[in-house]
């Protein structure tokens, strides 16, 4: 998880509860990267969970460098075979880690495993579930048109980062889409499961922000398509 100063301490606290107190299969470690100085309110939440979670590691970056840099740094401090991504305003459903671990034990060839989510916002409550393309074939068909994974649902094999594939530190938007293209181009196997794994918090301005970043998404997609499928 990556945390920076503008995040909501109430949302962050609820997210932490969901990945520890609520989980039927608790994580072997929790790696939190503070992406630059954070507020006193956020620091209080971090201190609370540091006391409560015996396997929590807090990595502090001196200045805010953006999500890709924070996630790359966090990966260096992970000691497990798989890294479970999570955002600090989303809510993991209670069986999330159990479901994904059990699936990966049956499919050890997979380097990335994601799943579906329930979108929600404080104003409107829960929305329709989002189910992602499941098989390798479906993901390859989907990725030229849209991102085939919900970023905070994925388990990523640590070996990917050890092999030199990482988030592009210059990509402030759609860094996950670029990572998926690079992982697929390197020949790794990936999949989504049908089940719902998290509640994904929707910002009321999500679609406005997405429209502003559409050019960036297009450029990443065009580069990725060329790398994955050829010119």
Protein backbone atom coordinates (compact mmCIF):
# COMPACT_ATOMS: atom_id res chain seq x y z
CA UNK A 1 0.00 0.00 0.00
CA UNK A 2 1.09 3.54 -0.75
CA UNK A 3 -0.02 6.45 1.43
CA UNK A 4 0.35 10.16 0.74
CA UNK A 5 -0.65 13.34 2.53
CA UNK A 6 -3.96 14.09 0.77
CA UNK A 7 -5.63 10.79 1.62
CA UNK A 8 -8.59 10.54 3.98
CA UNK A 9 -7.63 9.12 7.42
CA UNK A 10 -11.11 7.64 7.95
CA UNK A 11 -10.98 5.78 4.62
CA UNK A 12 -7.41 4.67 5.35
CA UNK A 13 -8.32 3.32 8.78
CA UNK A 14 -11.25 1.35 7.31
CA UNK A 15 -9.00 -0.04 4.58
CA UNK A 16 -6.44 -1.23 7.15
CA UNK A 17 -9.19 -2.90 9.17
CA UNK A 18 -10.33 -4.73 6.05
CA UNK A 19 -6.91 -6.25 5.31
CA UNK A 20 -6.24 -7.35 8.88
CA UNK A 21 -9.14 -7.56 11.34
CA UNK A 22 -11.69 -8.62 8.74
CA UNK A 23 -9.61 -11.18 6.82
CA UNK A 24 -10.15 -14.91 7.21
CA UNK A 25 -6.57 -15.39 5.96
CA UNK A 26 -4.38 -12.64 7.38
CA UNK A 27 -1.38 -11.48 5.32
CA UNK A 28 2.11 -12.69 6.22
CA UNK A 29 3.31 -9.09 6.10
CA UNK A 30 1.84 -5.63 5.51
CA UNK A 31 4.14 -3.20 3.70
CA UNK A 32 3.03 0.44 3.81
CA UNK A 33 5.00 3.10 1.92
CA UNK A 34 4.57 6.69 3.11
CA UNK A 35 5.07 8.64 -0.10
CA UNK A 36 6.53 11.77 1.46
CA UNK A 37 5.46 13.53 4.67
CA UNK A 38 1.89 12.83 5.75
CA UNK A 39 -0.55 14.63 8.06
CA UNK A 40 -0.72 14.15 11.81
CA UNK A 41 -4.14 12.49 11.37
CA UNK A 42 -2.72 9.92 8.96
CA UNK A 43 0.33 9.38 11.18
CA UNK A 44 -2.03 8.56 14.06
CA UNK A 45 -3.73 5.88 11.96
CA UNK A 46 -0.35 4.44 10.94
CA UNK A 47 0.79 4.34 14.59
CA UNK A 48 -2.45 2.61 15.63
CA UNK A 49 -2.01 -0.20 13.11
CA UNK A 50 1.73 -0.54 13.72
CA UNK A 51 0.84 -1.46 17.30
CA UNK A 52 -1.93 -3.83 16.23
CA UNK A 53 -0.30 -5.63 13.28
CA UNK A 54 2.89 -7.47 14.34
CA UNK A 55 4.03 -8.02 10.72
CA UNK A 56 3.64 -4.41 9.54
CA UNK A 57 6.56 -2.62 7.87
CA UNK A 58 6.45 1.14 7.28
CA UNK A 59 8.73 2.53 4.59
CA UNK A 60 9.14 6.32 4.62
CA UNK A 61 10.12 8.29 1.51
CA UNK A 62 11.56 11.74 2.24
CA UNK A 63 9.45 13.45 -0.42
CA UNK A 64 6.37 12.65 -2.48
CA UNK A 65 7.49 10.87 -5.65
CA UNK A 66 4.25 9.41 -6.94
CA UNK A 67 2.56 6.02 -6.86
CA UNK A 68 4.89 4.16 -9.29
CA UNK A 69 8.02 5.02 -7.28
CA UNK A 70 6.28 4.18 -4.01
CA UNK A 71 5.09 0.79 -5.27
CA UNK A 72 8.50 -0.10 -6.69
CA UNK A 73 10.08 0.77 -3.36
CA UNK A 74 7.46 -1.23 -1.49
CA UNK A 75 8.13 -4.30 -3.63
CA UNK A 76 11.78 -4.23 -2.50
CA UNK A 77 10.62 -4.65 1.10
CA UNK A 78 8.25 -7.56 0.41
CA UNK A 79 9.60 -10.98 1.37
CA UNK A 80 6.70 -13.18 0.21
CA UNK A 81 6.30 -15.00 -3.11
CA UNK A 82 3.25 -12.91 -4.00
CA UNK A 83 2.47 -9.24 -3.41
CA UNK A 84 -1.19 -8.34 -2.86
CA UNK A 85 -1.91 -4.80 -4.03
CA UNK A 86 -4.30 -2.66 -2.06
CA UNK A 87 -5.28 1.01 -2.10
CA UNK A 88 -5.73 2.97 1.09
CA UNK A 89 -9.33 4.00 0.40
CA UNK A 90 -10.73 0.64 -0.77
CA UNK A 91 -12.14 -2.17 1.36
CA UNK A 92 -10.98 -5.77 0.99
CA UNK A 93 -13.80 -8.30 1.31
CA UNK A 94 -13.20 -10.80 4.16
CA UNK A 95 -12.20 -13.82 2.04
CA UNK A 96 -10.10 -11.89 -0.47
CA UNK A 97 -6.66 -13.25 0.46
CA UNK A 98 -7.98 -16.75 1.15
CA UNK A 99 -9.68 -16.98 -2.26
CA UNK A 100 -6.66 -15.75 -4.20
CA UNK A 101 -4.14 -17.85 -2.29
CA UNK A 102 -6.20 -21.02 -2.81
CA UNK A 103 -6.53 -20.31 -6.53
CA UNK A 104 -2.79 -19.70 -6.92
CA UNK A 105 -1.96 -22.94 -5.12
CA UNK A 106 -3.93 -24.69 -7.87
CA UNK A 107 -2.45 -22.51 -10.64
CA UNK A 108 1.21 -21.85 -9.68
CA UNK A 109 2.06 -20.81 -13.25
CA UNK A 110 0.18 -17.53 -12.83
CA UNK A 111 2.24 -14.39 -12.28
CA UNK A 112 -0.74 -12.03 -11.88
CA UNK A 113 -4.18 -12.85 -10.48
CA UNK A 114 -6.92 -10.26 -10.18
CA UNK A 115 -10.67 -10.33 -9.77
CA UNK A 116 -13.88 -8.36 -9.64
CA UNK A 117 -15.05 -5.58 -7.37
CA UNK A 118 -18.10 -3.80 -6.08
CA UNK A 119 -17.85 -0.09 -6.84
CA UNK A 120 -19.24 2.25 -4.20
CA UNK A 121 -19.26 5.86 -3.05
CA UNK A 122 -20.52 7.52 0.10
CA UNK A 123 -23.28 9.37 -1.75
CA UNK A 124 -24.77 6.49 -3.75
CA UNK A 125 -23.78 3.37 -1.82
CA UNK A 126 -22.94 0.14 -3.67
CA UNK A 127 -23.11 0.05 -7.45
CA UNK A 128 -23.11 -2.78 -9.96
CA UNK A 129 -20.30 -5.35 -9.60
CA UNK A 130 -17.46 -5.24 -12.13
CA UNK A 131 -16.32 -8.59 -13.51
CA UNK A 132 -13.09 -8.60 -15.51
CA UNK A 133 -11.94 -10.80 -18.45
CA UNK A 134 -10.85 -14.07 -16.87
CA UNK A 135 -8.66 -16.18 -19.14
CA UNK A 136 -5.35 -15.34 -20.78
CA UNK A 137 -7.11 -15.32 -24.17
CA UNK A 138 -9.83 -12.94 -22.95
CA UNK A 139 -7.26 -10.62 -21.36
CA UNK A 140 -5.21 -10.42 -24.56
CA UNK A 141 -8.37 -9.53 -26.48
CA UNK A 142 -9.38 -6.90 -23.91
CA UNK A 143 -6.13 -5.05 -23.23
CA UNK A 144 -5.94 -3.05 -26.50
CA UNK A 145 -9.31 -1.50 -25.59
CA UNK A 146 -9.30 -1.27 -21.79
CA UNK A 147 -7.33 -2.16 -18.68
CA UNK A 148 -7.90 -5.89 -18.00
CA UNK A 149 -7.21 -5.75 -14.24
CA UNK A 150 -8.58 -3.76 -11.32
CA UNK A 151 -5.26 -2.67 -9.86
CA UNK A 152 -6.01 -3.04 -6.12
CA UNK A 153 -7.34 -6.59 -6.61
CA UNK A 154 -4.17 -8.15 -7.99
CA UNK A 155 -1.70 -10.62 -6.56
CA UNK A 156 1.63 -10.13 -8.39
CA UNK A 157 4.42 -12.69 -8.22
CA UNK A 158 7.44 -11.10 -6.51
CA UNK A 159 9.70 -12.69 -9.16
CA UNK A 160 8.38 -10.18 -11.71
CA UNK A 161 10.05 -7.33 -9.83
CA UNK A 162 13.15 -9.43 -9.16
CA UNK A 163 13.39 -10.01 -12.93
CA UNK A 164 13.54 -6.25 -13.53
CA UNK A 165 9.94 -5.49 -14.55
CA UNK A 166 8.49 -2.64 -12.50
CA UNK A 167 6.15 0.33 -12.61
CA UNK A 168 7.42 3.10 -14.88
CA UNK A 169 8.46 5.85 -12.41
CA UNK A 170 7.61 8.52 -15.01
CA UNK A 171 4.00 7.34 -15.44
CA UNK A 172 1.85 9.40 -13.09
CA UNK A 173 -1.32 7.97 -14.67
CA UNK A 174 -2.18 4.47 -15.92
CA UNK A 175 1.07 3.04 -14.57
CA UNK A 176 -0.72 -0.25 -14.01
CA UNK A 177 -1.83 -0.53 -17.66
CA UNK A 178 1.78 -0.10 -18.77
CA UNK A 179 2.88 -2.77 -16.27
CA UNK A 180 0.31 -5.28 -17.61
CA UNK A 181 1.52 -4.76 -21.18
CA UNK A 182 5.13 -5.32 -20.09
CA UNK A 183 4.26 -8.44 -18.09
CA UNK A 184 2.32 -9.95 -20.98
CA UNK A 185 5.03 -9.05 -23.49
CA UNK A 186 7.56 -10.88 -21.27
CA UNK A 187 5.50 -14.06 -21.57
CA UNK A 188 4.07 -14.35 -18.07
CA UNK A 189 0.71 -16.07 -17.49
CA UNK A 190 -2.09 -13.97 -15.97
CA UNK A 191 -5.77 -14.38 -15.08
CA UNK A 192 -8.74 -12.96 -13.21
CA UNK A 193 -11.14 -14.91 -11.05
CA UNK A 194 -14.87 -14.42 -11.31
CA UNK A 195 -15.38 -13.67 -7.63
CA UNK A 196 -15.59 -10.22 -6.06
CA UNK A 197 -12.51 -9.30 -4.00
CA UNK A 198 -12.85 -5.68 -2.89
CA UNK A 199 -15.16 -2.73 -2.56
CA UNK A 200 -13.66 -0.10 -4.86
CA UNK A 201 -14.25 3.49 -3.77
CA UNK A 202 -15.36 5.76 -6.61
CA UNK A 203 -14.40 9.41 -6.51
CA UNK A 204 -17.30 11.60 -7.74
CA UNK A 205 -14.77 13.21 -10.12
CA UNK A 206 -13.43 9.88 -11.43
CA UNK A 207 -14.80 10.27 -14.94
CA UNK A 208 -13.67 13.91 -15.20
CA UNK A 209 -10.13 12.89 -14.21
CA UNK A 210 -10.25 9.93 -16.60
CA UNK A 211 -11.26 12.15 -19.52
CA UNK A 212 -8.40 14.55 -18.78
CA UNK A 213 -5.91 11.68 -18.80
CA UNK A 214 -7.33 10.01 -21.93
CA UNK A 215 -4.40 11.10 -24.10
CA UNK A 216 -1.92 9.55 -21.67
CA UNK A 217 -3.91 6.30 -21.62
CA UNK A 218 -3.97 6.22 -25.44
CA UNK A 219 -0.20 6.71 -25.72
CA UNK A 220 0.50 3.94 -23.18
CA UNK A 221 -1.92 1.64 -25.00
CA UNK A 222 -0.36 2.31 -28.42
CA UNK A 223 3.16 1.63 -27.10
CA UNK A 224 1.96 -1.48 -25.31
CA UNK A 225 0.10 -2.86 -28.33
CA UNK A 226 3.20 -2.47 -30.46
CA UNK A 227 5.37 -4.17 -27.84
CA UNK A 228 2.94 -7.03 -27.23
CA UNK A 229 1.57 -7.70 -30.72
CA UNK A 230 4.19 -6.14 -32.98
CA UNK A 231 3.91 -3.17 -35.40
